[in-house]
Amino acid sequence: MSTTNIFTPFTEEELMPKEEKLEVIKKGKQFSIGIPKETCLNERRTCITPDAVQVLVEHGHELIIEAGAGEGSFFTDLQYSESGAKITNDPKEAFGQDLILKINPPTEDEIDYMKPNTYLVSALQINLRDKAYFLKLAERKINAIAFEFIVDEYKQLALVRLVGEIAGTVSVLYASELLALSNGLMLGGITGVRPAEVVILGAGIVGEFATKAAIGLGASVRVFDNSLSKLRRLHTLVDSRVPTSIIDPKELSKALRRADVVIGALPRLNMTPIVTEEMVAKMKKGSVIIDITIDNGKVIETSELTTMEDPYIIKHGVIHCGLPNLTSRMPRTTTKAISNFFLSYILNYDEEGGFENMLIRKNEMKQSLYMYKGRHTKKVICDRFGLTYHDINLLIF
């Protein structure tokens, strides 16, 4: 049997079948995440639970948690370390990571601990900030993301909504405590005794959950808002059980005179309060005002910021609560909710190839930044504090 030689320009090795080469999408590098202990406003919430730490560690992230960071939410250092986190006693180490997750914004001293180009994710609480805070962050060339600006793919303020749901419910529960303290009234009525009157200013997410909580406790509720579509939505959600009204000073004044509890749930950024001091002076003695959105602008003129040690003040015989971190009264529930959000948030960025890739691809990511490499990218902040505004779309291509 003769063998025929076939001419070929390829060597035998070159003719051997090879594995197919597929394009490999470059993933973002796994980054280190710092969780410092909260030092302001007697804060008891934190951003991550031990369960979430375990998942992130399994995905290759390194978590550095400052000792005692979870104490306020009843999570121990041991639980965090057993989940794979490194516990440190040095705040500088927690602040020296690629990504910092915090509830309250860092203090000026804490900003000094941060490396240039670090990603900081925290609440902004614009009413509690001053120009120096933004200048200090800019000096360190930080990329800063605010809870208040984080939007999801449906253009919803994802984290604001989540915390707002808790804040609405907590505001009514705490108002019920204060009402019992001030004049011994129970929020819901019983046979032969009329229920307390609750006026809720704002029909957004916070207003919706405050309304549901107040109805659940048996109170008589009235809701005011300037948006007819929000009022219509709320009306449908509560089966038309609650009278609603557009904010008309005469109508509002009448409702406030009868109210036992007033919940302020309308953000008034750079706007004048809706409830004037004159209206408050005509309210019943011993009634309760809770201004939830005080860190984003007052709804009630007489409101003042209060702290966990002194949660309320009394003006014109009316109890005023102005806690900017009201959900800190229910720290474990709030921590679990925030942690669930950040777990999916970080894992989502891993899949997309890291923060920088997300900035280029996703418009909602750009919207959540108020500072990119030290440049101020949020017009509302620049207008308020007289800072130079940079369009984020011109900084990232």
Protein backbone atom coordinates (compact mmCIF):
# COMPACT_ATOMS: atom_id res chain seq x y z
CA MET A 1 0.00 0.00 0.00
CA SER A 2 1.64 3.21 -1.14
CA THR A 3 1.40 6.44 0.72
CA THR A 4 1.01 9.60 -1.30
CA ASN A 5 2.68 12.76 -0.10
CA ILE A 6 0.31 15.74 -0.11
CA PHE A 7 2.05 19.06 -0.40
CA THR A 8 1.11 21.58 2.30
CA PRO A 9 2.80 24.80 3.42
CA PHE A 10 1.85 24.03 7.06
CA THR A 11 3.83 21.90 9.46
CA GLU A 12 2.23 18.96 11.22
CA GLU A 13 2.12 20.98 14.45
CA GLU A 14 0.30 23.83 12.78
CA LEU A 15 -2.32 21.44 11.43
CA MET A 16 -3.17 20.06 14.87
CA PRO A 17 -6.60 21.25 16.12
CA LYS A 18 -6.37 23.91 18.85
CA GLU A 19 -8.84 25.05 21.48
CA GLU A 20 -11.02 27.96 20.45
CA LYS A 21 -10.03 31.28 21.96
CA LEU A 22 -12.99 33.23 23.24
CA GLU A 23 -12.91 36.91 24.04
CA VAL A 24 -12.45 37.34 27.76
CA ILE A 25 -14.25 40.32 29.23
CA LYS A 26 -11.91 41.98 31.67
CA LYS A 27 -13.46 42.04 35.12
CA GLY A 28 -12.77 44.86 37.53
CA LYS A 29 -10.22 43.99 40.12
CA GLN A 30 -11.55 42.83 43.45
CA PHE A 31 -11.29 45.80 45.77
CA SER A 32 -10.84 46.22 49.49
CA ILE A 33 -13.80 47.61 51.40
CA GLY A 34 -13.44 49.62 54.61
CA ILE A 35 -16.26 49.88 57.18
CA PRO A 36 -15.29 52.50 59.80
CA LYS A 37 -17.09 52.88 63.12
CA GLU A 38 -19.66 55.69 63.10
CA THR A 39 -18.65 58.62 65.30
CA CYS A 40 -21.40 61.24 64.67
CA LEU A 41 -25.01 61.70 65.82
CA ASN A 42 -24.87 58.68 68.17
CA GLU A 43 -25.25 56.60 65.04
CA ARG A 44 -26.21 52.98 65.66
CA ARG A 45 -26.68 51.75 62.08
CA THR A 46 -23.96 50.25 59.89
CA CYS A 47 -23.78 49.37 56.17
CA ILE A 48 -23.01 45.65 56.17
CA THR A 49 -24.18 42.63 58.18
CA PRO A 50 -21.92 39.61 58.88
CA ASP A 51 -23.95 37.52 56.38
CA ALA A 52 -23.24 40.05 53.61
CA VAL A 53 -19.54 40.09 54.60
CA GLN A 54 -19.38 36.33 54.06
CA VAL A 55 -20.79 36.62 50.51
CA LEU A 56 -18.43 39.48 49.59
CA VAL A 57 -15.38 37.62 50.95
CA GLU A 58 -16.40 34.57 48.89
CA HIS A 59 -16.40 36.84 45.83
CA GLY A 60 -12.80 37.79 46.50
CA HIS A 61 -13.22 41.10 48.30
CA GLU A 62 -11.26 42.02 51.39
CA LEU A 63 -13.27 43.65 54.18
CA ILE A 64 -11.60 45.74 56.88
CA ILE A 65 -14.02 46.56 59.69
CA GLU A 66 -13.19 48.87 62.57
CA ALA A 67 -13.72 47.23 65.97
CA GLY A 68 -17.17 48.02 67.39
CA ALA A 69 -18.64 49.16 64.05
CA GLY A 70 -21.61 46.79 64.39
CA GLU A 71 -22.27 47.16 68.13
CA GLY A 72 -25.14 49.65 67.73
CA SER A 73 -26.96 47.14 65.48
CA PHE A 74 -26.19 44.24 67.87
CA PHE A 75 -23.57 42.59 65.62
CA THR A 76 -20.32 41.59 67.36
CA ASP A 77 -16.74 41.81 66.09
CA LEU A 78 -16.58 38.02 66.48
CA GLN A 79 -19.51 37.57 64.07
CA TYR A 80 -17.75 39.76 61.50
CA SER A 81 -14.37 38.04 61.87
CA GLU A 82 -15.97 34.58 61.62
CA SER A 83 -17.58 35.76 58.36
CA GLY A 84 -14.12 36.53 56.97
CA ALA A 85 -13.61 40.22 57.73
CA LYS A 86 -10.41 41.62 59.21
CA ILE A 87 -11.08 43.57 62.41
CA THR A 88 -8.88 46.60 63.05
CA ASN A 89 -8.60 48.98 66.00
CA ASP A 90 -7.12 51.67 63.76
CA PRO A 91 -9.67 53.93 61.98
CA LYS A 92 -6.89 54.97 59.56
CA GLU A 93 -6.76 51.38 58.26
CA ALA A 94 -10.55 51.23 57.76
CA PHE A 95 -10.45 54.56 55.88
CA GLY A 96 -7.41 53.53 53.81
CA GLN A 97 -9.29 51.08 51.53
CA ASP A 98 -10.44 51.37 47.88
CA LEU A 99 -14.13 51.63 48.79
CA ILE A 100 -15.47 53.08 52.04
CA LEU A 101 -19.03 52.34 53.11
CA LYS A 102 -20.38 54.66 55.79
CA ILE A 103 -23.75 55.80 57.09
CA ASN A 104 -22.85 59.40 57.97
CA PRO A 105 -20.35 61.44 55.94
CA PRO A 106 -16.78 61.38 57.31
CA THR A 107 -15.56 64.20 59.55
CA GLU A 108 -12.74 66.48 58.34
CA ASP A 109 -10.20 64.46 60.37
CA GLU A 110 -11.49 61.21 58.85
CA ILE A 111 -11.18 62.62 55.31
CA ASP A 112 -7.42 63.00 55.97
CA TYR A 113 -7.16 59.21 56.43
CA MET A 114 -8.48 58.55 52.90
CA LYS A 115 -6.30 57.80 49.85
CA PRO A 116 -6.71 59.83 46.63
CA ASN A 117 -9.19 58.29 44.15
CA THR A 118 -10.98 56.35 46.92
CA TYR A 119 -14.69 55.67 46.40
CA LEU A 120 -16.73 56.96 49.35
CA VAL A 121 -20.37 55.86 49.65
CA SER A 122 -22.33 57.53 52.47
CA ALA A 123 -25.37 59.68 53.19
CA LEU A 124 -24.85 63.36 52.42
CA GLN A 125 -27.42 65.08 54.70
CA ILE A 126 -26.91 68.32 52.81
CA ASN A 127 -28.48 70.48 55.54
CA LEU A 128 -25.75 69.41 57.98
CA ARG A 129 -22.83 70.07 55.60
CA ASP A 130 -20.79 73.21 55.00
CA LYS A 131 -18.54 74.35 52.16
CA ALA A 132 -15.38 73.23 53.98
CA TYR A 133 -16.52 69.59 53.84
CA PHE A 134 -16.72 69.61 50.02
CA LEU A 135 -13.43 71.49 49.64
CA LYS A 136 -11.68 69.00 51.92
CA LEU A 137 -13.01 66.04 49.89
CA ALA A 138 -11.91 67.77 46.67
CA GLU A 139 -8.42 68.29 48.09
CA ARG A 140 -8.12 64.51 48.61
CA LYS A 141 -9.40 63.84 45.02
CA ILE A 142 -12.19 61.59 46.28
CA ASN A 143 -14.97 59.95 44.23
CA ALA A 144 -18.05 60.50 46.39
CA ILE A 145 -21.44 58.83 46.02
CA ALA A 146 -24.41 59.93 48.17
CA PHE A 147 -27.23 57.65 49.38
CA GLU A 148 -29.63 60.43 48.37
CA PHE A 149 -28.57 60.30 44.71
CA ILE A 150 -28.26 56.53 44.09
CA VAL A 151 -30.73 55.60 41.34
CA ASP A 152 -31.57 52.16 39.95
CA GLU A 153 -32.32 51.10 36.36
CA TYR A 154 -35.96 52.22 36.83
CA LYS A 155 -34.80 55.77 37.69
CA GLN A 156 -35.96 55.27 41.30
CA LEU A 157 -33.93 56.59 44.25
CA ALA A 158 -33.28 53.07 45.48
CA LEU A 159 -31.66 53.68 48.87
CA VAL A 160 -33.78 56.74 49.71
CA ARG A 161 -36.86 54.61 49.10
CA LEU A 162 -35.56 51.77 51.26
CA VAL A 163 -34.67 53.97 54.24
CA GLY A 164 -37.81 56.07 53.64
CA GLU A 165 -40.03 53.01 54.10
CA ILE A 166 -38.49 52.45 57.54
CA ALA A 167 -38.46 56.17 58.42
CA GLY A 168 -42.18 56.54 57.66
CA THR A 169 -43.11 53.64 59.94
CA VAL A 170 -40.65 54.62 62.71
CA SER A 171 -41.89 58.24 62.72
CA VAL A 172 -45.43 57.15 63.63
CA LEU A 173 -44.24 54.62 66.24
CA TYR A 174 -42.02 57.25 67.88
CA ALA A 175 -44.75 59.91 67.67
CA SER A 176 -47.02 57.46 69.50
CA GLU A 177 -44.43 57.19 72.31
CA LEU A 178 -44.02 60.98 72.55
CA LEU A 179 -47.79 61.56 72.55
CA ALA A 180 -48.20 59.17 75.48
CA LEU A 181 -45.37 61.03 77.22
CA SER A 182 -46.73 64.56 76.60
CA ASN A 183 -50.44 64.17 77.27
CA GLY A 184 -51.12 60.47 77.86
CA LEU A 185 -53.01 59.91 74.62
CA MET A 186 -52.98 56.65 72.71
CA LEU A 187 -52.63 57.07 68.94
CA GLY A 188 -55.49 54.72 68.03
CA GLY A 189 -58.95 55.12 69.48
CA ILE A 190 -60.90 52.43 71.30
CA THR A 191 -64.62 51.94 71.91
CA GLY A 192 -66.07 55.23 73.10
CA VAL A 193 -62.77 57.15 72.78
CA ARG A 194 -61.91 59.01 69.57
CA PRO A 195 -58.60 58.23 67.85
CA ALA A 196 -55.76 60.76 67.72
CA GLU A 197 -55.59 63.04 64.65
CA VAL A 198 -52.47 62.63 62.50
CA VAL A 199 -51.52 65.09 59.75
CA ILE A 200 -48.89 63.87 57.27
CA LEU A 201 -47.18 66.40 55.01
CA GLY A 202 -45.94 64.58 51.93
CA ALA A 203 -47.40 61.67 49.94
CA GLY A 204 -44.10 60.18 48.75
CA ILE A 205 -42.56 56.95 50.05
CA VAL A 206 -42.04 58.26 53.62
CA GLY A 207 -45.56 59.68 53.69
CA GLU A 208 -47.01 56.44 52.30
CA PHE A 209 -45.43 54.26 55.01
CA ALA A 210 -46.26 56.78 57.76
CA THR A 211 -49.88 56.71 56.55
CA LYS A 212 -50.01 52.90 56.56
CA ALA A 213 -48.49 52.75 60.07
CA ALA A 214 -50.89 55.39 61.44
CA ILE A 215 -53.93 53.62 59.91
CA GLY A 216 -52.62 50.32 61.31
CA LEU A 217 -52.54 51.84 64.81
CA GLY A 218 -56.09 53.11 64.36
CA ALA A 219 -55.38 56.86 64.09
CA SER A 220 -57.45 59.30 62.06
CA VAL A 221 -55.14 60.40 59.21
CA ARG A 222 -55.07 63.33 56.78
CA VAL A 223 -52.42 63.72 54.07
CA PHE A 224 -51.25 66.93 52.34
CA ASP A 225 -49.01 67.24 49.28
CA ASN A 226 -48.51 69.63 46.35
CA SER A 227 -48.56 66.80 43.82
CA LEU A 228 -51.99 65.54 42.74
CA SER A 229 -50.48 62.42 41.15
CA LYS A 230 -48.77 61.46 44.44
CA LEU A 231 -52.00 62.01 46.37
CA ARG A 232 -53.92 59.94 43.81
CA ARG A 233 -51.36 57.13 44.09
CA LEU A 234 -51.56 57.15 47.90
CA HIS A 235 -55.38 57.24 47.78
CA THR A 236 -55.36 54.08 45.66
CA LEU A 237 -52.79 52.32 47.89
CA VAL A 238 -54.85 52.82 51.06
CA ASP A 239 -58.22 52.05 49.43
CA SER A 240 -59.42 55.67 49.71
CA ARG A 241 -59.54 55.40 53.50
CA VAL A 242 -57.61 58.64 54.02
CA PRO A 243 -58.73 62.17 53.12
CA THR A 244 -56.08 63.95 51.03
CA SER A 245 -55.60 67.60 50.19
CA ILE A 246 -53.38 69.93 48.18
CA ILE A 247 -51.35 72.24 50.46
CA ASP A 248 -53.66 75.21 50.90
CA PRO A 249 -52.56 77.37 53.88
CA LYS A 250 -56.14 77.89 55.12
CA GLU A 251 -57.04 74.17 54.93
CA LEU A 252 -53.66 73.15 56.40
CA SER A 253 -53.96 75.62 59.27
CA LYS A 254 -57.39 74.21 60.16
CA ALA A 255 -56.06 70.61 60.11
CA LEU A 256 -53.02 71.54 62.25
CA ARG A 257 -55.21 73.12 64.97
CA ARG A 258 -56.98 69.76 65.37
CA ALA A 259 -53.84 67.59 64.99
CA ASP A 260 -52.27 65.56 67.79
CA VAL A 261 -49.36 64.45 65.59
CA VAL A 262 -47.76 66.12 62.56
CA ILE A 263 -45.27 64.20 60.39
CA GLY A 264 -43.15 66.32 58.02
CA ALA A 265 -42.15 64.13 55.06
CA LEU A 266 -41.55 66.63 52.26
CA PRO A 267 -37.93 67.39 51.29
CA ARG A 268 -37.58 71.19 51.14
CA LEU A 269 -34.10 71.57 49.63
CA ASN A 270 -33.36 75.31 49.31
CA MET A 271 -37.08 76.06 49.88
CA THR A 272 -39.06 77.79 52.61
CA PRO A 273 -40.88 75.68 55.26
CA ILE A 274 -44.59 74.96 54.69
CA VAL A 275 -45.75 75.16 58.32
CA THR A 276 -45.07 78.61 59.77
CA GLU A 277 -44.34 79.45 63.41
CA GLU A 278 -47.76 81.15 63.58
CA MET A 279 -49.46 77.85 62.62
CA VAL A 280 -47.45 75.95 65.25
CA ALA A 281 -48.40 78.49 67.95
CA LYS A 282 -52.10 77.71 67.31
CA MET A 283 -51.62 73.93 67.69
CA LYS A 284 -52.84 72.00 70.75
CA LYS A 285 -50.50 71.94 73.73
CA GLY A 286 -48.78 68.56 74.07
CA SER A 287 -49.12 67.73 70.38
CA VAL A 288 -46.12 66.21 68.57
CA ILE A 289 -44.21 67.27 65.44
CA ILE A 290 -41.69 64.95 63.76
CA ASP A 291 -39.76 66.59 60.91
CA ILE A 292 -38.24 63.57 59.12
CA THR A 293 -36.62 65.40 56.21
CA ILE A 294 -34.87 67.98 58.39
CA ASP A 295 -31.44 67.00 56.98
CA ASN A 296 -32.72 67.99 53.51
CA GLY A 297 -34.59 71.14 54.48
CA LYS A 298 -37.28 71.96 57.08
CA VAL A 299 -41.00 71.35 56.51
CA ILE A 300 -41.85 73.08 59.80
CA GLU A 301 -40.36 76.51 60.52
CA THR A 302 -39.89 75.86 64.26
CA SER A 303 -38.06 72.52 63.76
CA GLU A 304 -34.49 72.17 64.94
CA LEU A 305 -31.94 69.40 64.59
CA THR A 306 -31.99 67.14 67.65
CA THR A 307 -29.77 64.28 68.82
CA MET A 308 -30.33 60.78 70.18
CA GLU A 309 -29.52 62.00 73.74
CA ASP A 310 -31.99 64.92 73.46
CA PRO A 311 -34.39 63.74 70.76
CA TYR A 312 -36.92 66.55 71.15
CA ILE A 313 -37.38 70.17 72.13
CA ILE A 314 -40.56 72.00 73.19
CA LYS A 315 -41.72 75.21 71.48
CA HIS A 316 -45.13 76.85 71.95
CA GLY A 317 -46.05 73.83 74.12
CA VAL A 318 -45.54 71.49 71.14
CA ILE A 319 -42.96 68.65 71.15
CA HIS A 320 -40.60 68.94 68.15
CA CYS A 321 -38.41 66.00 67.08
CA GLY A 322 -35.77 66.74 64.42
CA LEU A 323 -33.62 63.61 64.36
CA PRO A 324 -31.73 63.47 61.05
CA ASN A 325 -31.13 59.74 61.60
CA LEU A 326 -34.56 58.71 62.87
CA THR A 327 -34.19 55.14 61.51
CA SER A 328 -31.25 54.73 63.91
CA ARG A 329 -33.95 54.06 66.53
CA MET A 330 -34.46 50.71 64.76
CA PRO A 331 -30.80 50.04 63.93
CA ARG A 332 -30.87 46.30 63.25
CA THR A 333 -33.76 46.41 60.77
CA THR A 334 -32.24 49.42 58.99
CA THR A 335 -28.77 47.82 58.88
CA LYS A 336 -30.23 44.65 57.34
CA ALA A 337 -32.10 46.68 54.70
CA ILE A 338 -29.04 48.81 53.80
CA SER A 339 -26.79 45.73 53.78
CA ASN A 340 -29.11 43.89 51.36
CA PHE A 341 -28.91 46.87 49.04
CA PHE A 342 -25.10 47.18 49.16
CA LEU A 343 -24.56 43.46 48.68
CA SER A 344 -26.37 43.49 45.32
CA TYR A 345 -24.87 46.92 44.50
CA ILE A 346 -21.25 45.72 44.88
CA LEU A 347 -21.79 42.32 43.23
CA ASN A 348 -23.46 44.08 40.30
CA TYR A 349 -20.34 46.23 39.83
CA ASP A 350 -18.14 43.13 39.93
CA GLU A 351 -20.09 41.67 37.00
CA GLU A 352 -19.86 44.90 35.01
CA GLY A 353 -16.10 45.16 35.50
CA GLY A 354 -15.79 47.55 38.44
CA PHE A 355 -16.74 51.14 39.21
CA GLU A 356 -14.84 52.81 36.36
CA ASN A 357 -16.53 50.60 33.73
CA MET A 358 -19.91 51.29 35.32
CA LEU A 359 -19.29 55.03 35.15
CA ILE A 360 -18.71 54.83 31.41
CA ARG A 361 -21.65 52.53 30.68
CA LYS A 362 -24.38 53.45 33.13
CA ASN A 363 -25.98 56.85 33.31
CA GLU A 364 -27.57 56.09 36.71
CA MET A 365 -24.08 55.54 38.15
CA LYS A 366 -23.04 59.01 36.98
CA GLN A 367 -26.15 60.49 38.63
CA SER A 368 -25.20 59.06 42.03
CA LEU A 369 -21.82 60.87 42.17
CA TYR A 370 -21.51 64.32 43.66
CA MET A 371 -17.73 64.35 43.28
CA TYR A 372 -15.47 62.68 40.71
CA LYS A 373 -11.71 62.73 41.39
CA GLY A 374 -12.15 65.88 43.45
CA ARG A 375 -14.40 67.74 40.98
CA HIS A 376 -17.90 68.78 42.06
CA THR A 377 -20.44 67.16 39.75
CA LYS A 378 -23.83 67.93 41.33
CA LYS A 379 -25.37 71.25 40.36
CA VAL A 380 -27.72 71.47 43.34
CA ILE A 381 -24.72 71.29 45.73
CA CYS A 382 -22.60 73.72 43.70
CA ASP A 383 -25.43 76.30 43.65
CA ARG A 384 -25.97 76.00 47.39
CA PHE A 385 -22.33 76.24 48.48
CA GLY A 386 -20.89 78.41 45.68
CA LEU A 387 -18.66 75.67 44.22
CA THR A 388 -17.45 75.26 40.62
CA TYR A 389 -19.73 72.85 38.76
CA HIS A 390 -18.31 70.21 36.37
CA ASP A 391 -20.57 68.19 34.08
CA ILE A 392 -19.87 64.52 34.82
CA ASN A 393 -20.45 63.60 31.15
CA LEU A 394 -17.53 65.79 30.14
CA LEU A 395 -15.24 64.17 32.72
CA ILE A 396 -16.07 60.57 31.76
CA PHE A 397 -16.23 59.40 28.16
